[in-house]
Amino acid sequence: MVQTNKLLNEHQVNALFSRVAPNYDLLNNVISLGTQKLWRKTLFNQLTINPHANALDVCCGTGDLTIELAKRIPRGRVTGLDFNQKMLELAFEKTKSIGNLFLIQGDAMKLPFDDNSFDIVTIGFGLRNVPDADQALSEIYRVLKPGGQFVSLEMSQPTNPIIKLGWKAYFTAFPVMASLAGGHFKDYQYLKKTSQQFVSAHQLARMMRAVGFRKVHYQPLNFGAAALHFGDK
């Protein structure tokens, strides 16, 4: 199965993220109902991290998850990769004093790294916005070392009917809330659609197994509105 984002092409998505970059951190808090920091805490509570590890954060955006990785790997190396220059500029301002953290512009579907390079690979809110999530997962698997750990934090689909109704109502209002907070209404209409149309947690686990990940499991967040997925190589 190929999970492809057909709403916008790659150049259009890049332009969109250039526009939303200045408000990205604020609006991530809006879309997560202020719980994204707790989501990241849950993520790291379930990872076994060697302080000498070599880690990669794919689709790093403005660098929040990348910074948390670097704090936990004080004697290792952390690389943040994103395809959008505006996002990386904001990430650089936040991370320029962190000596073991490096930023690079690159494509999640064609990672510029050798096979078996990283002990840990993370991706936060990125899979639903790449043109081909299966290809991105294959690339992540390729650059991960045997025995390495992968974790994805992504929006998901609630399965409880009552929660699902509330989730849909919230996302109907989300573009309006985002525009009031300084965002562009049409851009957040797109982000709403990618959140609502992305695969379920069960489907994403199946996609991970299909590219070779083992010990795949996931943890729903906010009653299934988001999910953490874990897998080993």
C-alpha atoms as a PDB file:
ATOM      1  CA  MET A   1       0.000   0.000   0.000  1.00  0.00           C
ATOM      2  CA  VAL A   2       1.271   3.490  -0.841  1.00  0.00           C
ATOM      3  CA  GLN A   3      -0.025   6.199   1.448  1.00  0.00           C
ATOM      4  CA  THR A   4       0.197   9.330  -0.690  1.00  0.00           C
ATOM      5  CA  ASN A   5      -0.721  12.906   0.184  1.00  0.00           C
ATOM      6  CA  LYS A   6      -2.539  14.125  -2.947  1.00  0.00           C
ATOM      7  CA  LEU A   7      -3.947  17.386  -1.574  1.00  0.00           C
ATOM      8  CA  LEU A   8      -0.980  19.546  -2.641  1.00  0.00           C
ATOM      9  CA  ASN A   9       2.213  18.894  -4.549  1.00  0.00           C
ATOM     10  CA  GLU A  10       5.630  19.090  -2.901  1.00  0.00           C
ATOM     11  CA  HIS A  11       6.287  22.692  -3.971  1.00  0.00           C
ATOM     12  CA  GLN A  12       2.884  23.825  -2.710  1.00  0.00           C
ATOM     13  CA  VAL A  13       3.453  22.135   0.661  1.00  0.00           C
ATOM     14  CA  ASN A  14       6.858  23.796   0.925  1.00  0.00           C
ATOM     15  CA  ALA A  15       5.310  27.211   0.225  1.00  0.00           C
ATOM     16  CA  LEU A  16       2.562  26.537   2.777  1.00  0.00           C
ATOM     17  CA  PHE A  17       5.048  25.731   5.538  1.00  0.00           C
ATOM     18  CA  SER A  18       7.021  28.873   4.707  1.00  0.00           C
ATOM     19  CA  ARG A  19       3.844  30.860   5.375  1.00  0.00           C
ATOM     20  CA  VAL A  20       2.888  29.059   8.602  1.00  0.00           C
ATOM     21  CA  ALA A  21       6.433  28.967  10.037  1.00  0.00           C
ATOM     22  CA  PRO A  22       6.165  32.171  12.155  1.00  0.00           C
ATOM     23  CA  ASN A  23       3.063  30.845  13.965  1.00  0.00           C
ATOM     24  CA  TYR A  24       3.934  27.152  13.842  1.00  0.00           C
ATOM     25  CA  ASP A  25       4.782  26.659  17.528  1.00  0.00           C
ATOM     26  CA  LEU A  26       1.712  28.537  18.741  1.00  0.00           C
ATOM     27  CA  LEU A  27      -0.615  26.666  16.413  1.00  0.00           C
ATOM     28  CA  ASN A  28       0.858  23.295  17.327  1.00  0.00           C
ATOM     29  CA  ASN A  29      -0.317  24.067  20.841  1.00  0.00           C
ATOM     30  CA  VAL A  30      -3.752  24.937  19.457  1.00  0.00           C
ATOM     31  CA  ILE A  31      -4.072  21.751  17.397  1.00  0.00           C
ATOM     32  CA  SER A  32      -2.920  19.572  20.334  1.00  0.00           C
ATOM     33  CA  LEU A  33      -5.141  21.424  22.831  1.00  0.00           C
ATOM     34  CA  GLY A  34      -1.979  22.448  24.672  1.00  0.00           C
ATOM     35  CA  THR A  35      -0.832  18.876  25.270  1.00  0.00           C
ATOM     36  CA  GLN A  36       2.016  18.481  22.761  1.00  0.00           C
ATOM     37  CA  LYS A  37       4.659  18.844  25.518  1.00  0.00           C
ATOM     38  CA  LEU A  38       3.009  15.997  27.421  1.00  0.00           C
ATOM     39  CA  TRP A  39       2.974  13.937  24.228  1.00  0.00           C
ATOM     40  CA  ARG A  40       6.723  14.442  23.823  1.00  0.00           C
ATOM     41  CA  LYS A  41       7.294  13.551  27.481  1.00  0.00           C
ATOM     42  CA  THR A  42       5.375  10.309  26.947  1.00  0.00           C
ATOM     43  CA  LEU A  43       7.493   9.621  23.872  1.00  0.00           C
ATOM     44  CA  PHE A  44      10.779   9.940  25.725  1.00  0.00           C
ATOM     45  CA  ASN A  45       9.560   7.964  28.729  1.00  0.00           C
ATOM     46  CA  GLN A  46       9.268   4.943  26.423  1.00  0.00           C
ATOM     47  CA  LEU A  47      12.617   5.226  24.633  1.00  0.00           C
ATOM     48  CA  THR A  48      15.859   3.670  25.857  1.00  0.00           C
ATOM     49  CA  ILE A  49      18.420   6.364  25.095  1.00  0.00           C
ATOM     50  CA  ASN A  50      22.181   5.940  25.238  1.00  0.00           C
ATOM     51  CA  PRO A  51      23.825   9.309  26.060  1.00  0.00           C
ATOM     52  CA  HIS A  52      26.370   8.600  23.273  1.00  0.00           C
ATOM     53  CA  ALA A  53      23.723   7.826  20.623  1.00  0.00           C
ATOM     54  CA  ASN A  54      23.564   9.195  17.101  1.00  0.00           C
ATOM     55  CA  ALA A  55      19.986  10.383  16.508  1.00  0.00           C
ATOM     56  CA  LEU A  56      17.978  11.863  13.648  1.00  0.00           C
ATOM     57  CA  ASP A  57      14.775  13.908  13.850  1.00  0.00           C
ATOM     58  CA  VAL A  58      13.033  13.849  10.448  1.00  0.00           C
ATOM     59  CA  CYS A  59      10.685  16.722   9.510  1.00  0.00           C
ATOM     60  CA  CYS A  60      12.105  18.578  12.506  1.00  0.00           C
ATOM     61  CA  GLY A  61      10.195  21.804  11.842  1.00  0.00           C
ATOM     62  CA  THR A  62      11.203  24.506  14.315  1.00  0.00           C
ATOM     63  CA  GLY A  63      13.165  22.020  16.393  1.00  0.00           C
ATOM     64  CA  ASP A  64      11.226  21.329  19.602  1.00  0.00           C
ATOM     65  CA  LEU A  65      11.505  17.539  19.399  1.00  0.00           C
ATOM     66  CA  THR A  66      15.107  17.834  18.164  1.00  0.00           C
ATOM     67  CA  ILE A  67      16.031  19.911  21.216  1.00  0.00           C
ATOM     68  CA  GLU A  68      14.491  17.351  23.564  1.00  0.00           C
ATOM     69  CA  LEU A  69      16.560  14.630  21.871  1.00  0.00           C
ATOM     70  CA  ALA A  70      19.766  16.649  22.270  1.00  0.00           C
ATOM     71  CA  LYS A  71      19.126  17.142  25.993  1.00  0.00           C
ATOM     72  CA  ARG A  72      18.961  13.375  26.438  1.00  0.00           C
ATOM     73  CA  ILE A  73      22.035  12.649  24.313  1.00  0.00           C
ATOM     74  CA  PRO A  74      24.616  14.992  25.862  1.00  0.00           C
ATOM     75  CA  ARG A  75      27.645  13.082  24.564  1.00  0.00           C
ATOM     76  CA  GLY A  76      26.202  11.989  21.236  1.00  0.00           C
ATOM     77  CA  ARG A  77      25.021  13.740  18.096  1.00  0.00           C
ATOM     78  CA  VAL A  78      21.545  14.834  17.020  1.00  0.00           C
ATOM     79  CA  THR A  79      20.643  15.851  13.469  1.00  0.00           C
ATOM     80  CA  GLY A  80      17.433  17.674  12.611  1.00  0.00           C
ATOM     81  CA  LEU A  81      16.273  17.476   8.984  1.00  0.00           C
ATOM     82  CA  ASP A  82      13.512  19.448   7.297  1.00  0.00           C
ATOM     83  CA  PHE A  83      12.749  20.365   3.696  1.00  0.00           C
ATOM     84  CA  ASN A  84      11.559  23.901   4.522  1.00  0.00           C
ATOM     85  CA  GLN A  85      14.161  26.660   4.841  1.00  0.00           C
ATOM     86  CA  LYS A  86      11.931  29.004   6.894  1.00  0.00           C
ATOM     87  CA  MET A  87      11.305  26.292   9.480  1.00  0.00           C
ATOM     88  CA  LEU A  88      15.029  25.560   9.678  1.00  0.00           C
ATOM     89  CA  GLU A  89      15.826  29.253  10.187  1.00  0.00           C
ATOM     90  CA  LEU A  90      13.518  29.321  13.214  1.00  0.00           C
ATOM     91  CA  ALA A  91      15.002  26.044  14.458  1.00  0.00           C
ATOM     92  CA  PHE A  92      18.519  27.461  14.118  1.00  0.00           C
ATOM     93  CA  GLU A  93      17.667  30.422  16.360  1.00  0.00           C
ATOM     94  CA  LYS A  94      16.425  28.029  19.049  1.00  0.00           C
ATOM     95  CA  THR A  95      19.292  25.560  18.769  1.00  0.00           C
ATOM     96  CA  LYS A  96      22.422  27.560  17.888  1.00  0.00           C
ATOM     97  CA  SER A  97      23.806  27.271  21.430  1.00  0.00           C
ATOM     98  CA  ILE A  98      23.405  23.460  21.544  1.00  0.00           C
ATOM     99  CA  GLY A  99      26.780  22.017  20.596  1.00  0.00           C
ATOM    100  CA  ASN A 100      25.687  18.462  19.760  1.00  0.00           C
ATOM    101  CA  LEU A 101      22.744  19.463  17.545  1.00  0.00           C
ATOM    102  CA  PHE A 102      23.051  19.977  13.785  1.00  0.00           C
ATOM    103  CA  LEU A 103      20.432  21.045  11.231  1.00  0.00           C
ATOM    104  CA  ILE A 104      20.247  20.073   7.563  1.00  0.00           C
ATOM    105  CA  GLN A 105      17.815  20.755   4.734  1.00  0.00           C
ATOM    106  CA  GLY A 106      16.685  17.565   3.051  1.00  0.00           C
ATOM    107  CA  ASP A 107      13.884  15.345   1.770  1.00  0.00           C
ATOM    108  CA  ALA A 108      12.268  12.796   4.103  1.00  0.00           C
ATOM    109  CA  MET A 109      11.677  10.526   1.102  1.00  0.00           C
ATOM    110  CA  LYS A 110      15.336  10.607   0.054  1.00  0.00           C
ATOM    111  CA  LEU A 111      17.373  10.938   3.227  1.00  0.00           C
ATOM    112  CA  PRO A 112      20.962  12.128   2.552  1.00  0.00           C
ATOM    113  CA  PHE A 113      22.563   9.581   4.880  1.00  0.00           C
ATOM    114  CA  ASP A 114      24.256   6.202   4.554  1.00  0.00           C
ATOM    115  CA  ASP A 115      22.516   2.959   5.454  1.00  0.00           C
ATOM    116  CA  ASN A 116      22.629   2.000   9.150  1.00  0.00           C
ATOM    117  CA  SER A 117      23.675   5.461  10.381  1.00  0.00           C
ATOM    118  CA  PHE A 118      21.450   6.205  13.387  1.00  0.00           C
ATOM    119  CA  ASP A 119      20.627   4.613  16.742  1.00  0.00           C
ATOM    120  CA  ILE A 120      17.355   6.560  17.032  1.00  0.00           C
ATOM    121  CA  VAL A 121      15.100   8.175  14.419  1.00  0.00           C
ATOM    122  CA  THR A 122      12.085  10.298  15.347  1.00  0.00           C
ATOM    123  CA  ILE A 123       9.440  12.104  13.321  1.00  0.00           C
ATOM    124  CA  GLY A 124       6.821  14.421  14.798  1.00  0.00           C
ATOM    125  CA  PHE A 125       3.746  15.523  12.812  1.00  0.00           C
ATOM    126  CA  GLY A 126       5.587  14.901   9.548  1.00  0.00           C
ATOM    127  CA  LEU A 127       4.359  11.677   7.984  1.00  0.00           C
ATOM    128  CA  ARG A 128       0.947  13.029   7.063  1.00  0.00           C
ATOM    129  CA  ASN A 129       2.497  15.898   5.082  1.00  0.00           C
ATOM    130  CA  VAL A 130       5.013  14.015   2.925  1.00  0.00           C
ATOM    131  CA  PRO A 131       3.847  12.980  -0.561  1.00  0.00           C
ATOM    132  CA  ASP A 132       4.486   9.290   0.162  1.00  0.00           C
ATOM    133  CA  ALA A 133       4.544   8.124   3.790  1.00  0.00           C
ATOM    134  CA  ASP A 134       5.514   4.573   2.816  1.00  0.00           C
ATOM    135  CA  GLN A 135       8.621   5.864   1.050  1.00  0.00           C
ATOM    136  CA  ALA A 136       9.523   8.020   4.066  1.00  0.00           C
ATOM    137  CA  LEU A 137       9.169   4.989   6.355  1.00  0.00           C
ATOM    138  CA  SER A 138      11.366   2.926   4.027  1.00  0.00           C
ATOM    139  CA  GLU A 139      14.049   5.613   4.119  1.00  0.00           C
ATOM    140  CA  ILE A 140      13.877   5.842   7.907  1.00  0.00           C
ATOM    141  CA  TYR A 141      14.259   2.080   8.129  1.00  0.00           C
ATOM    142  CA  ARG A 142      17.236   2.190   5.763  1.00  0.00           C
ATOM    143  CA  VAL A 143      19.226   4.776   7.756  1.00  0.00           C
ATOM    144  CA  LEU A 144      18.442   3.183  11.143  1.00  0.00           C
ATOM    145  CA  LYS A 145      21.066   0.835  12.573  1.00  0.00           C
ATOM    146  CA  PRO A 146      20.136  -2.798  13.276  1.00  0.00           C
ATOM    147  CA  GLY A 147      18.659  -2.763  16.780  1.00  0.00           C
ATOM    148  CA  GLY A 148      17.892   0.950  16.451  1.00  0.00           C
ATOM    149  CA  GLN A 149      14.654   2.566  17.613  1.00  0.00           C
ATOM    150  CA  PHE A 150      12.094   4.535  15.599  1.00  0.00           C
ATOM    151  CA  VAL A 151       9.217   6.562  16.997  1.00  0.00           C
ATOM    152  CA  SER A 152       6.534   8.596  15.234  1.00  0.00           C
ATOM    153  CA  LEU A 153       4.261  11.171  16.867  1.00  0.00           C
ATOM    154  CA  GLU A 154       1.341  11.871  14.564  1.00  0.00           C
ATOM    155  CA  MET A 155      -2.302  12.860  14.418  1.00  0.00           C
ATOM    156  CA  SER A 156      -4.638   9.865  14.219  1.00  0.00           C
ATOM    157  CA  GLN A 157      -8.271   8.805  13.978  1.00  0.00           C
ATOM    158  CA  PRO A 158     -10.337   8.284  17.160  1.00  0.00           C
ATOM    159  CA  THR A 159     -12.359   5.070  17.116  1.00  0.00           C
ATOM    160  CA  ASN A 160     -14.863   5.867  19.893  1.00  0.00           C
ATOM    161  CA  PRO A 161     -17.989   7.286  18.133  1.00  0.00           C
ATOM    162  CA  ILE A 162     -18.578  10.043  20.703  1.00  0.00           C
ATOM    163  CA  ILE A 163     -14.910  11.110  20.752  1.00  0.00           C
ATOM    164  CA  LYS A 164     -14.889  11.000  16.948  1.00  0.00           C
ATOM    165  CA  LEU A 165     -17.808  13.442  16.765  1.00  0.00           C
ATOM    166  CA  GLY A 166     -16.056  15.853  19.115  1.00  0.00           C
ATOM    167  CA  TRP A 167     -12.803  15.479  17.170  1.00  0.00           C
ATOM    168  CA  LYS A 168     -14.543  16.321  13.895  1.00  0.00           C
ATOM    169  CA  ALA A 169     -16.252  19.338  15.461  1.00  0.00           C
ATOM    170  CA  TYR A 170     -12.954  20.603  16.824  1.00  0.00           C
ATOM    171  CA  PHE A 171     -11.230  20.300  13.470  1.00  0.00           C
ATOM    172  CA  THR A 172     -14.114  22.110  11.784  1.00  0.00           C
ATOM    173  CA  ALA A 173     -13.367  25.069  14.071  1.00  0.00           C
ATOM    174  CA  PHE A 174      -9.578  24.710  13.930  1.00  0.00           C
ATOM    175  CA  PRO A 175      -8.897  26.793  10.764  1.00  0.00           C
ATOM    176  CA  VAL A 176     -10.976  29.645  12.216  1.00  0.00           C
ATOM    177  CA  MET A 177      -9.059  29.441  15.521  1.00  0.00           C
ATOM    178  CA  ALA A 178      -5.778  29.357  13.615  1.00  0.00           C
ATOM    179  CA  SER A 179      -6.686  32.426  11.546  1.00  0.00           C
ATOM    180  CA  LEU A 180      -7.593  34.322  14.717  1.00  0.00           C
ATOM    181  CA  ALA A 181      -4.167  33.406  16.097  1.00  0.00           C
ATOM    182  CA  GLY A 182      -2.450  34.846  13.026  1.00  0.00           C
ATOM    183  CA  GLY A 183      -2.514  31.961  10.546  1.00  0.00           C
ATOM    184  CA  HIS A 184      -3.864  31.778   6.998  1.00  0.00           C
ATOM    185  CA  PHE A 185      -7.310  30.171   6.902  1.00  0.00           C
ATOM    186  CA  LYS A 186      -6.692  28.185   3.681  1.00  0.00           C
ATOM    187  CA  ASP A 187      -3.361  26.844   4.958  1.00  0.00           C
ATOM    188  CA  TYR A 188      -4.988  25.481   8.079  1.00  0.00           C
ATOM    189  CA  GLN A 189      -7.857  24.085   6.052  1.00  0.00           C
ATOM    190  CA  TYR A 190      -5.173  21.971   4.365  1.00  0.00           C
ATOM    191  CA  LEU A 191      -3.596  20.969   7.691  1.00  0.00           C
ATOM    192  CA  LYS A 192      -7.044  20.068   8.979  1.00  0.00           C
ATOM    193  CA  LYS A 193      -7.577  17.803   5.979  1.00  0.00           C
ATOM    194  CA  THR A 194      -4.201  16.071   6.329  1.00  0.00           C
ATOM    195  CA  SER A 195      -4.977  15.396   9.999  1.00  0.00           C
ATOM    196  CA  GLN A 196      -8.451  14.059   9.271  1.00  0.00           C
ATOM    197  CA  GLN A 197      -7.481  11.991   6.222  1.00  0.00           C
ATOM    198  CA  PHE A 198      -4.292  10.383   7.515  1.00  0.00           C
ATOM    199  CA  VAL A 199      -4.376   6.681   8.248  1.00  0.00           C
ATOM    200  CA  SER A 200      -5.550   5.185  11.523  1.00  0.00           C
ATOM    201  CA  ALA A 201      -3.085   4.101  14.212  1.00  0.00           C
ATOM    202  CA  HIS A 202      -3.673   0.470  13.260  1.00  0.00           C
ATOM    203  CA  GLN A 203      -2.986   1.187   9.579  1.00  0.00           C
ATOM    204  CA  LEU A 204       0.222   3.076  10.359  1.00  0.00           C
ATOM    205  CA  ALA A 205       1.445   0.145  12.470  1.00  0.00           C
ATOM    206  CA  ARG A 206       0.760  -2.129   9.489  1.00  0.00           C
ATOM    207  CA  MET A 207       2.719   0.207   7.187  1.00  0.00           C
ATOM    208  CA  MET A 208       5.679   0.106   9.570  1.00  0.00           C
ATOM    209  CA  ARG A 209       5.672  -3.696   9.648  1.00  0.00           C
ATOM    210  CA  ALA A 210       5.482  -3.775   5.850  1.00  0.00           C
ATOM    211  CA  VAL A 211       8.807  -1.934   5.472  1.00  0.00           C
ATOM    212  CA  GLY A 212      10.499  -4.218   8.007  1.00  0.00           C
ATOM    213  CA  PHE A 213      10.057  -2.755  11.487  1.00  0.00           C
ATOM    214  CA  ARG A 214       9.653  -5.258  14.312  1.00  0.00           C
ATOM    215  CA  LYS A 215       8.220  -4.972  17.818  1.00  0.00           C
ATOM    216  CA  VAL A 216       5.781  -2.422  16.392  1.00  0.00           C
ATOM    217  CA  HIS A 217       3.296  -1.022  18.870  1.00  0.00           C
ATOM    218  CA  TYR A 218       1.422   2.217  19.392  1.00  0.00           C
ATOM    219  CA  GLN A 219      -0.123   4.309  22.154  1.00  0.00           C
ATOM    220  CA  PRO A 220      -3.203   6.478  21.489  1.00  0.00           C
ATOM    221  CA  LEU A 221      -3.099  10.050  22.828  1.00  0.00           C
ATOM    222  CA  ASN A 222      -6.032  12.329  23.640  1.00  0.00           C
ATOM    223  CA  PHE A 223      -8.527   9.477  23.162  1.00  0.00           C
ATOM    224  CA  GLY A 224      -7.042   8.593  19.780  1.00  0.00           C
ATOM    225  CA  ALA A 225      -6.756  12.078  18.259  1.00  0.00           C
ATOM    226  CA  ALA A 226      -3.001  11.412  18.042  1.00  0.00           C
ATOM    227  CA  ALA A 227      -0.756   8.398  18.513  1.00  0.00           C
ATOM    228  CA  LEU A 228       2.807   7.385  19.273  1.00  0.00           C
ATOM    229  CA  HIS A 229       4.163   4.531  17.165  1.00  0.00           C
ATOM    230  CA  PHE A 230       7.298   2.593  18.093  1.00  0.00           C
ATOM    231  CA  GLY A 231       9.346   0.106  16.091  1.00  0.00           C
ATOM    232  CA  ASP A 232      12.816  -1.465  16.087  1.00  0.00           C
ATOM    233  CA  LYS A 233      15.030  -2.469  13.178  1.00  0.00           C
END
